[in-house]
Protein backbone atom coordinates (compact mmCIF):
# COMPACT_ATOMS: atom_id res chain seq x y z
CA MET A 1 5.94 1.99 -11.62
CA LEU A 2 3.13 4.04 -13.05
CA VAL A 3 0.62 1.21 -12.67
CA SER A 4 1.27 1.07 -8.94
CA GLN A 5 -0.06 4.61 -8.69
CA MET A 6 -3.09 3.94 -10.80
CA VAL A 7 -4.47 1.42 -8.33
CA GLU A 8 -5.23 4.38 -6.07
CA SER A 9 -8.21 5.38 -8.21
CA SER A 10 -11.57 4.92 -6.50
CA SER A 11 -13.34 2.67 -8.99
CA GLY A 12 -12.10 -0.73 -7.81
CA LYS A 13 -10.30 -1.72 -11.02
CA VAL A 14 -6.63 -2.52 -11.58
CA PRO A 15 -5.86 -0.44 -14.68
CA ASN A 16 -3.01 -0.67 -17.16
CA ILE A 17 -0.96 2.24 -18.52
CA GLY A 18 -3.29 4.65 -20.27
CA TRP A 19 -6.15 3.59 -17.99
CA VAL A 20 -7.04 0.55 -20.08
CA ASP A 21 -8.88 -2.03 -17.96
CA PHE A 22 -6.41 -4.80 -17.11
CA ALA A 23 -7.75 -6.87 -14.24
CA ILE A 24 -10.57 -7.11 -11.73
CA THR A 25 -10.74 -8.81 -8.35
CA SER A 26 -14.49 -9.30 -8.05
CA PRO A 27 -16.44 -11.69 -10.32
CA ASN A 28 -19.57 -9.69 -9.44
CA ARG A 29 -18.15 -6.40 -10.66
CA ASN A 30 -20.19 -4.49 -13.25
CA LYS A 31 -19.04 -1.30 -14.93
CA GLN A 32 -22.29 0.25 -13.80
CA PRO A 33 -22.38 1.14 -10.92
CA CYS A 34 -18.73 0.32 -10.12
CA ASP A 35 -16.86 2.57 -12.57
CA GLY A 36 -16.02 5.86 -10.91
CA THR A 37 -17.73 5.05 -7.62
CA THR A 38 -16.41 6.41 -4.34
CA ASP A 39 -19.08 4.64 -2.27
CA PRO A 40 -17.29 2.34 0.22
CA ASN A 41 -20.47 0.31 0.62
CA LEU A 42 -19.94 -1.01 -2.91
CA GLY A 43 -16.46 -2.28 -2.02
CA PRO A 44 -17.49 -5.90 -1.37
CA ILE A 45 -19.22 -5.97 -4.78
CA CYS A 46 -16.86 -3.91 -6.92
CA GLY A 47 -13.62 -4.73 -5.16
CA ARG A 48 -11.16 -2.14 -3.85
CA PRO A 49 -7.53 -2.89 -4.81
CA LEU A 50 -5.21 -0.76 -2.71
CA GLY A 51 -1.86 -2.08 -3.87
CA PHE A 52 -0.11 -4.43 -6.26
CA SER A 53 3.34 -5.64 -7.20
CA PHE A 54 4.73 -7.52 -10.20
CA TYR A 55 6.86 -10.64 -10.00
CA LEU A 56 9.04 -9.90 -13.00
CA LEU A 57 10.21 -13.49 -13.55
CA THR A 58 6.70 -14.71 -14.40
CA GLY A 59 4.89 -11.46 -15.18
CA ASP A 60 2.32 -12.24 -12.51
CA LEU A 61 0.70 -9.29 -10.75
CA TYR A 62 -0.09 -9.73 -7.06
CA ILE A 63 -2.95 -7.58 -5.75
CA VAL A 64 -4.25 -6.70 -2.29
CA ASP A 65 -7.93 -5.83 -2.23
CA ALA A 66 -9.09 -4.05 0.92
CA PHE A 67 -12.37 -5.97 0.98
CA LEU A 68 -11.72 -9.21 -0.86
CA GLY A 69 -8.22 -10.45 0.01
CA LEU A 70 -4.95 -11.38 -1.71
CA TYR A 71 -5.04 -12.05 -5.47
CA VAL A 72 -2.82 -12.82 -8.44
CA VAL A 73 -3.41 -12.31 -12.16
CA GLY A 74 -1.29 -13.41 -15.10
CA PRO A 75 0.36 -11.21 -17.76
CA LYS A 76 -2.79 -11.17 -19.88
CA GLY A 77 -4.94 -9.75 -17.09
CA GLY A 78 -8.63 -10.52 -16.63
CA LEU A 79 -10.32 -11.87 -13.51
CA ALA A 80 -7.70 -12.30 -10.80
CA THR A 81 -7.43 -15.51 -8.77
CA ARG A 82 -7.98 -15.21 -5.04
CA LEU A 83 -5.13 -16.70 -3.02
CA SER A 84 -6.16 -16.02 0.57
CA THR A 85 -8.71 -14.23 2.73
CA SER A 86 -7.23 -14.87 6.19
CA ALA A 87 -4.16 -15.73 8.26
CA ASP A 88 -4.10 -17.90 11.39
CA GLY A 89 -7.88 -18.11 11.15
CA VAL A 90 -8.31 -14.32 11.35
CA PRO A 91 -9.92 -12.74 8.25
CA PHE A 92 -8.25 -9.88 6.42
CA ARG A 93 -10.18 -6.65 7.00
CA SER A 94 -8.21 -3.93 5.24
CA LEU A 95 -5.28 -5.07 3.08
CA ASP A 96 -3.42 -1.95 1.97
CA GLY A 97 0.10 -2.66 0.67
CA ILE A 98 2.23 -5.32 -1.02
CA ASP A 99 5.69 -6.05 -2.39
CA VAL A 100 7.20 -9.12 -4.07
CA ASP A 101 10.74 -10.25 -3.38
CA GLN A 102 12.19 -10.54 -6.89
CA PHE A 103 14.83 -13.06 -5.75
CA THR A 104 12.59 -15.52 -3.89
CA GLY A 105 9.09 -14.81 -5.22
CA ILE A 106 7.82 -14.41 -1.64
CA VAL A 107 4.98 -11.91 -1.31
CA TYR A 108 4.91 -9.50 1.65
CA PHE A 109 1.76 -7.52 2.43
CA SER A 110 0.04 -5.60 5.20
CA ASP A 111 -3.40 -5.65 6.82
CA ALA A 112 -4.20 -2.36 8.54
CA THR A 113 -6.54 -3.89 11.11
CA THR A 114 -8.44 -7.02 12.09
CA THR A 115 -11.50 -5.18 13.45
CA TYR A 116 -12.83 -2.70 10.85
CA ASP A 117 -12.87 -1.97 7.13
CA LEU A 118 -12.99 1.10 4.88
CA ARG A 119 -16.71 1.56 5.49
CA ASN A 120 -16.03 2.34 9.16
CA ILE A 121 -13.38 5.02 8.64
CA SER A 122 -15.82 7.81 7.78
CA GLN A 123 -18.14 7.06 10.69
CA PRO A 124 -18.39 9.57 13.57
CA ASN A 125 -15.94 9.08 16.45
CA PHE A 126 -13.96 6.48 14.50
CA THR A 127 -10.61 5.65 16.15
CA PRO A 128 -7.91 3.44 14.57
CA ASP A 129 -6.66 0.52 16.64
CA SER A 130 -3.44 -1.49 16.96
CA THR A 131 -4.46 -4.86 15.51
CA GLY A 132 -2.64 -4.56 12.17
CA ARG A 133 -0.38 -7.28 10.78
CA LEU A 134 2.62 -7.76 8.52
CA LEU A 135 2.14 -10.92 6.44
CA LYS A 136 4.00 -13.26 4.10
CA TYR A 137 2.63 -15.43 1.28
CA ASP A 138 4.76 -18.25 -0.14
CA PRO A 139 3.61 -19.20 -3.68
CA ARG A 140 5.27 -22.62 -3.38
CA SER A 141 3.52 -23.74 -0.20
CA LYS A 142 0.52 -21.45 -0.80
CA GLN A 143 0.64 -20.57 2.91
CA VAL A 144 0.20 -17.20 4.61
CA THR A 145 2.37 -16.49 7.65
CA VAL A 146 1.93 -13.69 10.21
CA LEU A 147 5.31 -12.01 10.70
CA LEU A 148 4.18 -9.24 13.06
CA LYS A 149 0.91 -8.36 14.78
CA ASP A 150 -0.51 -5.66 17.07
CA LEU A 151 0.69 -2.94 14.68
CA SER A 152 -0.82 0.55 14.53
CA VAL A 153 -2.23 0.69 10.98
CA PRO A 154 0.72 -0.73 9.02
CA ILE A 155 0.85 0.31 5.37
CA GLY A 156 2.80 -0.52 2.26
CA PRO A 157 5.80 -2.81 2.87
CA ALA A 158 8.88 -2.44 0.66
CA ILE A 159 11.75 -4.94 0.54
CA SER A 160 15.30 -3.61 0.72
CA ILE A 161 17.34 -3.99 -2.45
CA ASP A 162 19.57 -6.59 -0.80
CA GLY A 163 16.57 -8.61 0.46
CA THR A 164 17.62 -8.47 4.11
CA SER A 165 14.69 -6.51 5.52
CA ILE A 166 11.27 -4.99 4.97
CA PHE A 167 10.38 -1.36 5.57
CA PHE A 168 6.78 -0.33 6.30
CA SER A 169 4.96 2.55 7.90
CA GLU A 170 2.70 2.78 10.93
CA TYR A 171 0.10 5.42 10.18
CA THR A 172 -1.04 6.11 13.73
CA THR A 173 2.38 6.26 15.41
CA LYS A 174 3.91 8.32 12.56
CA ARG A 175 6.96 6.17 12.02
CA ILE A 176 8.79 3.78 9.69
CA LEU A 177 9.63 0.31 10.99
CA ARG A 178 12.21 -2.17 9.75
CA TYR A 179 11.62 -5.93 9.98
CA TRP A 180 14.71 -8.08 9.50
CA LEU A 181 14.30 -11.18 7.31
CA ILE A 182 17.79 -12.65 7.58
CA GLY A 183 21.00 -12.20 9.56
CA LEU A 184 21.65 -11.84 13.27
CA LYS A 185 18.56 -9.63 13.68
CA ALA A 186 16.23 -11.97 11.76
CA LYS A 187 12.58 -11.91 12.95
CA THR A 188 13.11 -8.70 14.92
CA VAL A 189 11.70 -5.24 14.30
CA GLU A 190 13.16 -1.81 15.01
CA ILE A 191 12.12 1.82 14.64
CA CYS A 192 13.79 3.23 11.58
CA LEU A 193 12.41 6.76 11.43
CA ASN A 194 10.01 9.05 13.30
CA LEU A 195 8.05 11.32 10.97
CA PRO A 196 6.40 14.76 11.16
CA GLY A 197 3.06 13.41 9.94
CA ASN A 198 1.01 10.32 9.11
CA PRO A 199 2.79 8.08 6.58
CA SER A 200 1.26 5.87 3.91
CA LYS A 201 2.94 3.44 1.49
CA VAL A 202 6.70 2.91 1.45
CA LYS A 203 8.25 2.42 -2.00
CA ARG A 204 11.75 1.69 -3.21
CA SER A 205 13.42 4.69 -4.79
CA THR A 206 16.71 5.21 -6.62
CA GLN A 207 20.10 3.95 -5.43
CA GLY A 208 18.58 1.57 -2.88
CA ASN A 209 16.71 4.33 -1.06
CA PHE A 210 13.01 4.54 -0.21
CA ILE A 211 10.30 7.16 -0.53
CA VAL A 212 7.15 7.46 1.56
CA ALA A 213 4.01 9.58 1.26
CA VAL A 214 3.38 11.64 4.42
CA ASP A 215 0.47 13.91 5.35
CA VAL A 216 1.33 16.60 7.89
CA ARG A 217 -1.76 17.97 9.62
CA THR A 218 -1.72 21.48 11.11
CA GLN A 219 -4.60 22.42 13.37
CA GLN A 220 -5.73 26.00 12.69
CA ARG A 221 -9.36 27.06 12.39
CA THR A 222 -9.67 23.91 10.32
CA THR A 223 -7.21 21.09 9.75
CA LEU A 224 -4.71 21.89 7.00
CA ILE A 225 -2.97 18.96 5.28
CA THR A 226 0.52 19.34 3.81
CA PRO A 227 1.27 16.36 1.50
CA LEU A 228 4.95 15.39 1.41
CA GLY A 229 7.21 12.80 -0.13
CA LEU A 230 10.14 11.88 2.15
CA ARG A 231 13.11 10.07 0.68
CA PHE A 232 15.11 8.02 3.20
CA ASN A 233 17.72 5.28 3.25
CA THR A 234 18.34 2.18 5.32
CA CYS A 235 20.32 4.22 7.83
CA ALA A 236 17.20 6.29 8.56
CA MET A 237 18.60 9.49 7.05
CA VAL A 238 16.17 11.76 5.18
CA PRO A 239 18.18 13.27 2.32
CA GLU A 240 15.23 14.93 0.58
CA THR A 241 11.73 16.22 1.29
CA LEU A 242 9.29 16.92 -1.56
CA ASN A 243 6.35 19.24 -0.90
CA PHE A 244 3.28 18.67 -3.08
CA SER A 245 1.07 21.40 -1.59
CA ALA A 246 0.96 23.37 -4.84
CA GLN A 247 -0.45 20.36 -6.71
CA TYR A 248 -2.42 18.63 -3.91
CA TYR A 249 -3.49 21.50 -1.68
CA ASN A 250 -5.02 20.19 1.57
CA THR A 251 -5.37 16.71 0.06
CA THR A 252 -4.23 13.40 1.52
CA ILE A 253 -1.88 11.43 -0.72
CA SER A 254 -1.49 7.67 -0.56
CA VAL A 255 1.66 6.82 -2.49
CA VAL A 256 4.73 8.43 -4.02
CA GLN A 257 6.68 6.37 -6.56
CA GLU A 258 9.84 7.19 -8.49
CA GLN A 259 10.35 5.80 -11.99
CA ASN A 260 12.65 6.86 -14.83
CA GLY A 261 13.55 10.17 -13.20
CA LYS A 262 9.96 11.19 -12.48
CA ILE A 263 7.83 11.10 -9.34
CA PHE A 264 4.29 9.73 -9.56
CA ILE A 265 1.77 10.71 -6.88
CA GLY A 266 -1.46 8.86 -6.14
CA SER A 267 -4.37 9.79 -3.91
CA ARG A 268 -7.60 7.99 -3.04
CA PHE A 269 -9.31 11.37 -3.21
CA THR A 270 -8.44 12.34 -6.80
CA ASN A 271 -9.27 10.83 -10.18
CA PHE A 272 -5.83 11.39 -11.69
CA VAL A 273 -2.16 10.46 -11.20
CA GLY A 274 0.22 13.36 -10.65
CA ILE A 275 3.63 13.38 -12.37
CA TYR A 276 6.29 15.48 -10.65
CA SER A 277 9.60 16.31 -12.30
């Protein structure tokens, strides 16, 4: 959906179509200085939503804020309600992706790490770790469960169309993993796909397929980034590769989403949403 791309703007708001303010995660957020800011030090004040997903049955919008936790807001928007800030006694440090199972209402989301937040990424000699987690929130019990831990920067889970498994990326290891929810393989994880670059969010695409944003880095005199969208299916085949270099030259992209025959591209480093057709 278009709104799922718009959350990639840098101002800490969850906007509606047409960039109308829809919801906020921080009660302390003020339009000045939060609107348009790219300063990560303002994240705890302004909020920094990095992903959201609708539960169509109720119209509720579930939000992951990198600094503030897991939230939900009703169809009318406004100040979102915080649902959780930790799991198993360990605080969330960098929530970055979310998907709602439309059959069960269960919310699946990812925490990139338990040791650092977005303010640390730009620091000299920063190195990602392998403390990320795949998580589950049950709206009925209001409990958060850790499904997987010790992951290498997991990002953006997406539930398969049949509800049997979750697909998510590991940024550092450059791969897509599949976690089985039901069946003989339930509660196990397997490598689905090895990638040519660092992946970001996984999204459902057409005909039960998925699409993932990937940044391929080539080391020349300086690092050159080639932003791609890779479409794959549950059998790990890659039937299509989309190259966005002409539109996002040497720019990291965060999400690629297909809707109504068009591809929407979001980046944390631009102030617009690209539409590819």
